Amino acid sequence: MFTSVHRNPAKTDRLQGIDGLKILVDQNIRGAEETFGLHGELQFMEGRLISASDVKDADVLIIRTATSVDGSLLEGSSVGFVGTTSIGTDHLDIDWLDRNGITWSNAPGCNADSAAQYTLAMIWLACERLGKPFYEQRVGIVGRGNVGSRLERLLQALGLETLANDPPLVDQGESGLVSLNEVLNCDIVSLHVPLETEGPYPTMQMIDARQLSRMAEGALLVNAARGDVIDGEALLKVLKTGRLHAALDVWPGEPLFSADLLQQVVVATPHVGGYSLDGKRNGTDMVYHAFCEWAGIEPLNPPAGNAPTAGEPELELRITPGDDPMTCALEATCFVPHHDEAMRRLVSLSVEQRAAEFDRLRKEYPSRRDFHAWTVRGADPATAALLARLGFSIG
């Protein structure tokens, strides 16, 4: 469920007074008060602004991907535990943390359902805008891990043909996978890999000019993984020719991303694919339990799971005759067009202003629940069966 490494005894002496811990938390992390707040004093900050002076006297650092954690941030600090409530760890200098005896954890798979559902909504909208018949598309998935496997199941539930590429899984003996070239030949190519700069499976700019040239004429490239798994300049160049199309939730160099690239893509959103309430709750729960293991204490708050919070209204999806049920369902649950419109308004801003607004869109992202939290009413049997296959409840 989580990743932890060796503990430095010098950094655990203060745990004898566990309630006196100083815990620095990214202000965008949901549920910190009900979990970490039970064991110490919380200080909230904007994640991208956390500096060495802010963490100097902290015992615990709880973040998301906006905070880069390395020696320049933590050298000389009291931090003994770093938790990121995200799937990825490319913002953590893991080697440095290990060498300095700082325990760390992440939350693999916490928002996999959210990210897969959001990717489906991006693909659906892109197909509408491009005039592509959705149900006739063959989709190639690069990375069949937590998110990619869930997207594959959603697409197959809708009757689409899928192919998947994942070299690490092939090396582990998993069957049913194909080469990257076969995936790149699909009508739609969706990326779901971590950002790795070293090791046996590097993904930094893995989709470069050479790989883009192998994609089929008119194909759609979708990225809801990490922005820098694509060579941004190469992508921009090919998009300008009109030979390929792209739908991006993540951006090369974000938050300092290219306005030119933003203008060229068919769907644009601000790195919010995994931002459902369920995903955020799961991420906090996973890192909280890793923290408790590190501290040698019993968790005081059980996992929230998929249960709604007190006072949370029932979510109903009413299908009106004559409306496309998939469009209705995906716009109600993922509202991709809303954030696409918000992203388009950033084009005319300076690079710095655009970065600030990008972060604001992420910070102010509205509450969103995964498909299971919605009850479909008024749908005919065929529509109800289709939405049930995607995980919706049927009333």
Protein backbone atom coordinates (compact mmCIF):
# COMPACT_ATOMS: atom_id res chain seq x y z
CA MET A 1 0.00 0.00 0.00
CA PHE A 2 2.87 2.40 0.65
CA THR A 3 6.62 2.64 0.37
CA SER A 4 8.89 3.17 3.38
CA VAL A 5 12.65 3.04 3.90
CA HIS A 6 15.05 2.81 6.83
CA ARG A 7 14.72 5.07 9.81
CA ASN A 8 17.48 7.28 11.21
CA PRO A 9 17.41 6.90 15.03
CA ALA A 10 18.58 10.48 15.47
CA LYS A 11 15.45 11.63 13.74
CA THR A 12 13.05 9.48 15.75
CA ASP A 13 14.00 10.50 19.29
CA ARG A 14 11.34 13.22 19.26
CA LEU A 15 8.65 10.60 18.59
CA GLN A 16 8.51 9.87 22.31
CA GLY A 17 6.47 13.06 22.48
CA ILE A 18 4.38 12.22 19.44
CA ASP A 19 1.69 14.83 20.12
CA GLY A 20 4.31 17.56 19.94
CA LEU A 21 5.31 16.88 16.35
CA LYS A 22 5.47 19.79 13.94
CA ILE A 23 3.87 18.77 10.66
CA LEU A 24 4.14 20.94 7.54
CA VAL A 25 1.36 20.21 5.03
CA ASP A 26 0.57 21.31 1.48
CA GLN A 27 -2.63 23.33 1.89
CA ASN A 28 -4.30 21.45 -0.97
CA ILE A 29 -4.22 18.09 0.84
CA ARG A 30 -7.68 17.00 1.91
CA GLY A 31 -8.29 15.41 5.30
CA ALA A 32 -5.02 16.41 6.98
CA GLU A 33 -6.77 17.72 10.09
CA GLU A 34 -8.66 14.45 10.62
CA THR A 35 -5.50 12.36 10.25
CA PHE A 36 -2.11 14.02 10.83
CA GLY A 37 -3.73 16.73 12.94
CA LEU A 38 -4.50 14.12 15.60
CA HIS A 39 -0.79 13.74 16.33
CA GLY A 40 0.79 17.15 16.17
CA GLU A 41 0.71 20.81 15.22
CA LEU A 42 -0.16 21.40 11.56
CA GLN A 43 1.20 24.25 9.49
CA PHE A 44 -0.32 24.70 6.03
CA MET A 45 1.46 26.26 3.06
CA GLU A 46 1.17 26.51 -0.70
CA GLY A 47 3.16 23.48 -1.84
CA ARG A 48 5.16 25.21 -4.55
CA LEU A 49 6.32 27.88 -2.07
CA ILE A 50 7.70 25.58 0.65
CA SER A 51 11.34 26.52 1.31
CA ALA A 52 14.25 25.32 3.44
CA SER A 53 13.48 27.91 6.11
CA ASP A 54 9.88 26.63 6.34
CA VAL A 55 10.91 23.02 6.98
CA LYS A 56 13.88 23.71 9.28
CA ASP A 57 12.00 22.95 12.52
CA ALA A 58 9.43 20.54 11.05
CA ASP A 59 9.41 16.85 11.95
CA VAL A 60 7.10 15.72 9.17
CA LEU A 61 6.50 17.01 5.63
CA ILE A 62 3.28 16.07 3.79
CA ILE A 63 3.13 17.24 0.17
CA ARG A 64 1.92 16.65 -3.37
CA THR A 65 3.79 16.91 -6.67
CA ALA A 66 4.20 20.70 -6.52
CA THR A 67 7.01 20.43 -3.93
CA SER A 68 10.47 19.23 -4.95
CA VAL A 69 12.10 17.44 -2.04
CA ASP A 70 15.90 17.09 -2.03
CA GLY A 71 18.98 18.12 -0.08
CA SER A 72 18.54 21.80 -0.86
CA LEU A 73 15.17 21.70 0.90
CA LEU A 74 15.84 19.35 3.83
CA GLU A 75 19.57 19.61 4.62
CA GLY A 76 19.91 20.54 8.30
CA SER A 77 16.20 20.23 9.01
CA SER A 78 14.49 18.08 11.63
CA VAL A 79 12.32 16.28 9.06
CA GLY A 80 12.29 12.52 9.60
CA PHE A 81 9.28 11.57 7.46
CA VAL A 82 8.22 12.79 4.01
CA GLY A 83 4.89 11.70 2.59
CA THR A 84 3.52 12.56 -0.84
CA THR A 85 -0.17 11.88 -1.37
CA SER A 86 0.48 11.31 -5.07
CA ILE A 87 1.18 8.24 -7.15
CA GLY A 88 4.41 9.58 -8.65
CA THR A 89 7.70 10.20 -6.86
CA ASP A 90 9.69 12.07 -9.52
CA HIS A 91 9.55 15.18 -7.30
CA LEU A 92 11.40 13.30 -4.52
CA ASP A 93 15.17 12.80 -4.50
CA ILE A 94 14.79 9.26 -3.19
CA ASP A 95 18.51 8.52 -3.18
CA TRP A 96 19.17 11.56 -0.98
CA LEU A 97 16.32 10.68 1.38
CA ASP A 98 17.61 7.11 1.70
CA ARG A 99 21.19 8.21 2.32
CA ASN A 100 20.04 10.59 5.04
CA GLY A 101 17.79 8.10 6.79
CA ILE A 102 14.56 9.98 6.08
CA THR A 103 11.56 7.70 5.75
CA TRP A 104 9.32 8.48 2.78
CA SER A 105 6.04 7.21 1.42
CA ASN A 106 3.80 7.74 -1.58
CA ALA A 107 0.30 6.58 -2.50
CA PRO A 108 0.45 4.32 -5.56
CA GLY A 109 -2.97 3.68 -7.04
CA CYS A 110 -4.78 6.09 -4.73
CA ASN A 111 -6.45 8.02 -7.56
CA ALA A 112 -6.25 5.42 -10.32
CA ASP A 113 -10.02 5.23 -10.82
CA SER A 114 -10.22 9.02 -10.92
CA ALA A 115 -7.41 9.37 -13.47
CA ALA A 116 -8.76 6.59 -15.70
CA GLN A 117 -12.28 8.04 -15.68
CA TYR A 118 -10.97 11.51 -16.42
CA THR A 119 -8.86 10.18 -19.30
CA LEU A 120 -11.95 8.52 -20.74
CA ALA A 121 -13.75 11.87 -20.55
CA MET A 122 -10.84 13.61 -22.31
CA ILE A 123 -10.86 11.01 -25.09
CA TRP A 124 -14.64 11.30 -25.48
CA LEU A 125 -14.49 15.10 -25.78
CA ALA A 126 -11.54 14.99 -28.19
CA CYS A 127 -13.39 12.54 -30.43
CA GLU A 128 -16.45 14.82 -30.44
CA ARG A 129 -14.36 17.84 -31.39
CA LEU A 130 -12.41 16.00 -34.07
CA GLY A 131 -15.45 14.28 -35.54
CA LYS A 132 -14.00 10.86 -34.76
CA PRO A 133 -16.57 8.08 -34.17
CA PHE A 134 -15.63 7.08 -30.63
CA TYR A 135 -16.81 3.48 -30.77
CA GLU A 136 -14.73 2.81 -33.90
CA GLN A 137 -11.42 3.88 -32.36
CA ARG A 138 -8.64 1.47 -31.52
CA VAL A 139 -6.83 2.68 -28.39
CA GLY A 140 -3.21 1.97 -27.50
CA ILE A 141 -2.25 2.27 -23.84
CA VAL A 142 1.37 2.93 -22.88
CA GLY A 143 1.72 1.71 -19.29
CA ARG A 144 -0.80 -0.86 -18.03
CA GLY A 145 -0.31 -0.15 -14.34
CA ASN A 146 -2.89 1.15 -11.87
CA VAL A 147 -4.33 3.79 -14.20
CA GLY A 148 -3.69 2.21 -17.58
CA SER A 149 -5.31 -1.09 -16.59
CA ARG A 150 -8.41 0.71 -15.35
CA LEU A 151 -8.68 2.77 -18.53
CA GLU A 152 -8.35 -0.46 -20.50
CA ARG A 153 -11.27 -1.98 -18.58
CA LEU A 154 -13.43 1.10 -19.13
CA LEU A 155 -12.76 1.13 -22.86
CA GLN A 156 -13.34 -2.59 -23.20
CA ALA A 157 -16.60 -2.24 -21.26
CA LEU A 158 -17.67 0.17 -24.01
CA GLY A 159 -16.68 -2.30 -26.71
CA LEU A 160 -13.49 -0.62 -27.94
CA GLU A 161 -10.46 -2.57 -29.08
CA THR A 162 -7.36 -1.88 -26.98
CA LEU A 163 -3.67 -2.73 -27.11
CA ALA A 164 -1.23 -2.18 -24.27
CA ASN A 165 2.53 -1.79 -23.95
CA ASP A 166 4.42 -2.13 -20.66
CA PRO A 167 8.04 -3.42 -20.74
CA PRO A 168 8.36 -3.76 -16.93
CA LEU A 169 5.29 -6.01 -16.85
CA VAL A 170 6.61 -8.05 -19.76
CA ASP A 171 9.82 -8.64 -17.79
CA GLN A 172 7.66 -9.81 -14.87
CA GLY A 173 6.03 -12.41 -17.12
CA GLU A 174 2.70 -10.72 -17.79
CA SER A 175 1.07 -11.71 -21.07
CA GLY A 176 -1.19 -9.90 -23.50
CA LEU A 177 1.17 -6.96 -24.08
CA VAL A 178 2.55 -5.67 -27.39
CA SER A 179 5.44 -3.57 -28.65
CA LEU A 180 5.47 0.21 -28.45
CA ASN A 181 5.39 0.40 -32.25
CA GLU A 182 2.13 -1.58 -32.32
CA VAL A 183 0.58 0.76 -29.76
CA LEU A 184 1.76 3.85 -31.64
CA ASN A 185 -0.09 2.59 -34.71
CA CYS A 186 -3.46 2.91 -32.97
CA ASP A 187 -6.06 5.63 -33.62
CA ILE A 188 -5.61 6.90 -30.06
CA VAL A 189 -2.48 6.57 -27.90
CA SER A 190 -2.89 7.21 -24.15
CA LEU A 191 0.14 7.57 -21.86
CA HIS A 192 0.11 6.21 -18.30
CA VAL A 193 3.73 5.86 -17.21
CA PRO A 194 5.72 7.37 -14.33
CA LEU A 195 8.43 9.92 -15.08
CA GLU A 196 11.76 8.10 -14.81
CA THR A 197 15.07 9.67 -15.84
CA GLU A 198 17.27 6.67 -15.06
CA GLY A 199 17.07 2.94 -14.54
CA PRO A 200 16.09 0.18 -16.99
CA TYR A 201 12.88 1.89 -18.12
CA PRO A 202 13.52 5.63 -18.57
CA THR A 203 10.45 7.60 -19.66
CA MET A 204 11.79 11.16 -19.83
CA GLN A 205 10.73 12.41 -23.30
CA MET A 206 10.08 8.83 -24.39
CA ILE A 207 7.60 10.20 -26.92
CA ASP A 208 9.98 12.23 -29.07
CA ALA A 209 10.10 13.20 -32.75
CA ARG A 210 10.96 9.65 -33.79
CA GLN A 211 8.06 8.09 -31.91
CA LEU A 212 5.64 10.79 -33.06
CA SER A 213 6.62 10.05 -36.66
CA ARG A 214 5.51 6.44 -36.13
CA MET A 215 1.99 7.43 -35.14
CA ALA A 216 -0.76 7.09 -37.72
CA GLU A 217 -1.97 10.08 -39.72
CA GLY A 218 -4.72 11.88 -37.79
CA ALA A 219 -4.10 9.95 -34.56
CA LEU A 220 -4.79 11.42 -31.12
CA LEU A 221 -2.11 11.47 -28.40
CA VAL A 222 -3.47 11.68 -24.84
CA ASN A 223 -1.32 12.42 -21.80
CA ALA A 224 -2.64 12.31 -18.23
CA ALA A 225 0.60 10.91 -16.78
CA ARG A 226 3.55 13.35 -16.53
CA GLY A 227 4.17 16.22 -18.89
CA ASP A 228 7.82 15.50 -19.56
CA VAL A 229 7.29 11.99 -20.89
CA ILE A 230 6.66 13.91 -24.15
CA ASP A 231 9.20 16.08 -25.95
CA GLY A 232 7.15 19.28 -25.95
CA GLU A 233 8.98 20.96 -28.84
CA ALA A 234 8.66 17.90 -31.05
CA LEU A 235 4.95 17.60 -30.22
CA LEU A 236 4.31 21.27 -30.98
CA LYS A 237 6.04 20.97 -34.32
CA VAL A 238 3.96 18.01 -35.46
CA LEU A 239 0.68 19.48 -34.15
CA LYS A 240 1.25 22.59 -36.23
CA THR A 241 1.38 20.42 -39.36
CA GLY A 242 -2.05 18.98 -38.54
CA ARG A 243 -0.78 15.41 -38.94
CA LEU A 244 -1.51 14.52 -35.29
CA HIS A 245 -3.79 15.77 -32.51
CA ALA A 246 -3.28 15.90 -28.75
CA ALA A 247 -5.32 16.05 -25.54
CA LEU A 248 -3.22 17.04 -22.53
CA ASP A 249 -3.90 17.15 -18.82
CA VAL A 250 -0.17 17.37 -18.05
CA TRP A 251 2.36 19.65 -19.73
CA PRO A 252 6.07 19.65 -20.48
CA GLY A 253 7.76 22.01 -17.99
CA GLU A 254 4.59 22.75 -16.05
CA PRO A 255 3.63 25.11 -14.57
CA LEU A 256 5.80 27.09 -17.02
CA PHE A 257 4.13 25.54 -20.05
CA SER A 258 3.97 26.76 -23.65
CA ALA A 259 1.10 28.98 -24.77
CA ASP A 260 1.78 27.81 -28.34
CA LEU A 261 1.25 24.20 -27.30
CA LEU A 262 -1.93 25.14 -25.44
CA GLN A 263 -3.33 26.69 -28.62
CA GLN A 264 -2.57 23.59 -30.69
CA VAL A 265 -4.15 20.86 -28.55
CA VAL A 266 -7.75 19.74 -28.95
CA VAL A 267 -8.37 19.27 -25.20
CA ALA A 268 -6.45 21.12 -22.46
CA THR A 269 -6.83 20.73 -18.69
CA PRO A 270 -4.62 21.76 -15.71
CA HIS A 271 -3.19 18.47 -14.34
CA VAL A 272 -6.34 17.48 -12.48
CA GLY A 273 -6.98 13.98 -13.83
CA GLY A 274 -6.53 12.37 -10.41
CA TYR A 275 -8.20 15.16 -8.45
CA SER A 276 -11.39 13.44 -7.40
CA LEU A 277 -12.46 13.62 -3.77
CA ASP A 278 -12.13 9.84 -3.59
CA GLY A 279 -8.57 9.90 -4.92
CA LYS A 280 -7.54 12.65 -2.52
CA ARG A 281 -9.05 10.81 0.44
CA ASN A 282 -7.31 7.60 -0.54
CA GLY A 283 -3.96 9.37 -0.92
CA THR A 284 -4.19 10.99 2.49
CA ASP A 285 -5.27 7.71 4.11
CA MET A 286 -2.36 5.77 2.60
CA VAL A 287 0.30 8.28 3.62
CA TYR A 288 -1.26 8.70 7.08
CA HIS A 289 -0.99 4.96 7.73
CA ALA A 290 2.62 4.99 6.51
CA PHE A 291 3.28 7.87 8.90
CA CYS A 292 1.75 5.92 11.79
CA GLU A 293 3.93 2.90 11.01
CA TRP A 294 7.01 5.15 10.98
CA ALA A 295 5.98 6.75 14.26
CA GLY A 296 5.15 3.39 15.87
CA ILE A 297 1.60 4.40 16.76
CA GLU A 298 -1.89 3.13 16.02
CA PRO A 299 -3.91 5.16 13.48
CA LEU A 300 -6.63 7.15 15.23
CA ASN A 301 -8.74 7.61 12.11
CA PRO A 302 -9.83 4.66 9.94
CA PRO A 303 -9.62 4.95 6.15
CA ALA A 304 -12.42 7.06 4.70
CA GLY A 305 -12.72 4.75 1.72
CA ASN A 306 -15.56 5.58 -0.63
CA ALA A 307 -17.99 6.72 2.03
CA PRO A 308 -19.39 10.25 1.65
CA THR A 309 -18.60 12.80 4.32
CA ALA A 310 -21.29 13.99 6.72
CA GLY A 311 -23.79 16.22 4.98
CA GLU A 312 -22.59 15.33 1.49
CA PRO A 313 -25.60 15.29 -0.88
CA GLU A 314 -26.59 12.27 -2.94
CA LEU A 315 -25.34 12.62 -6.49
CA GLU A 316 -27.96 11.89 -9.14
CA LEU A 317 -27.42 11.59 -12.86
CA ARG A 318 -30.70 11.95 -14.72
CA ILE A 319 -30.65 10.91 -18.35
CA THR A 320 -33.02 12.97 -20.49
CA PRO A 321 -34.46 11.30 -23.60
CA GLY A 322 -32.73 12.61 -26.71
CA ASP A 323 -29.44 13.43 -24.95
CA ASP A 324 -26.33 11.34 -25.48
CA PRO A 325 -25.96 9.42 -22.21
CA MET A 326 -22.17 9.22 -22.38
CA THR A 327 -21.81 12.95 -22.96
CA CYS A 328 -24.21 13.65 -20.09
CA ALA A 329 -22.45 11.23 -17.74
CA LEU A 330 -18.90 12.35 -18.48
CA GLU A 331 -19.63 16.08 -18.41
CA ALA A 332 -21.52 15.74 -15.12
CA THR A 333 -18.84 13.68 -13.39
CA CYS A 334 -15.58 14.99 -14.87
CA PHE A 335 -16.53 18.43 -16.33
CA VAL A 336 -13.58 18.41 -18.74
CA PRO A 337 -15.11 21.11 -21.01
CA HIS A 338 -15.30 23.52 -18.05
CA HIS A 339 -11.59 23.33 -17.32
CA ASP A 340 -10.67 23.23 -20.98
CA GLU A 341 -12.42 26.59 -21.32
CA ALA A 342 -10.58 27.92 -18.25
CA MET A 343 -7.22 26.81 -19.67
CA ARG A 344 -7.90 28.58 -22.99
CA ARG A 345 -8.18 31.89 -21.15
CA LEU A 346 -4.53 31.59 -20.07
CA VAL A 347 -3.11 31.89 -23.60
CA SER A 348 -2.65 35.66 -23.59
CA LEU A 349 -0.94 35.81 -20.18
CA SER A 350 2.79 36.07 -19.54
CA VAL A 351 4.66 32.88 -18.66
CA GLU A 352 4.69 33.78 -14.96
CA GLN A 353 1.02 34.76 -14.91
CA ARG A 354 0.08 31.61 -16.79
CA ALA A 355 1.96 29.48 -14.25
CA ALA A 356 0.21 31.21 -11.34
CA GLU A 357 -3.21 30.74 -12.94
CA PHE A 358 -2.42 27.11 -13.71
CA ASP A 359 -1.73 26.53 -10.01
CA ARG A 360 -4.87 28.45 -9.07
CA LEU A 361 -7.03 26.23 -11.28
CA ARG A 362 -5.61 23.19 -9.54
CA LYS A 363 -6.03 24.71 -6.09
CA GLU A 364 -9.64 25.76 -6.73
CA TYR A 365 -10.66 22.57 -8.50
CA PRO A 366 -14.29 21.83 -7.58
CA SER A 367 -15.40 18.76 -5.68
CA ARG A 368 -15.60 15.71 -7.91
CA ARG A 369 -16.62 12.13 -7.12
CA ASP A 370 -15.80 8.94 -8.97
CA PHE A 371 -18.46 7.12 -11.01
CA HIS A 372 -19.47 4.81 -8.17
CA ALA A 373 -20.77 7.77 -6.14
CA TRP A 374 -23.38 8.69 -8.77
CA THR A 375 -26.85 7.12 -9.05
CA VAL A 376 -28.32 7.01 -12.55
CA ARG A 377 -32.05 7.61 -12.77
CA GLY A 378 -34.47 7.69 -15.68
CA ALA A 379 -32.28 5.74 -18.07
CA ASP A 380 -33.64 3.08 -20.42
CA PRO A 381 -32.39 -0.47 -19.78
CA ALA A 382 -29.68 -0.35 -22.47
CA THR A 383 -28.30 2.96 -21.20
CA ALA A 384 -28.47 1.80 -17.60
CA ALA A 385 -26.55 -1.35 -18.49
CA LEU A 386 -23.89 0.67 -20.34
CA LEU A 387 -23.35 3.06 -17.43
CA ALA A 388 -23.39 0.20 -14.92
CA ARG A 389 -20.48 -1.37 -16.80
CA LEU A 390 -18.53 1.82 -16.16
CA GLY A 391 -19.21 1.64 -12.41
CA PHE A 392 -22.22 3.93 -11.99
CA SER A 393 -24.94 2.95 -9.52
CA ILE A 394 -28.37 2.41 -11.05
CA GLY A 395 -31.43 3.71 -9.20
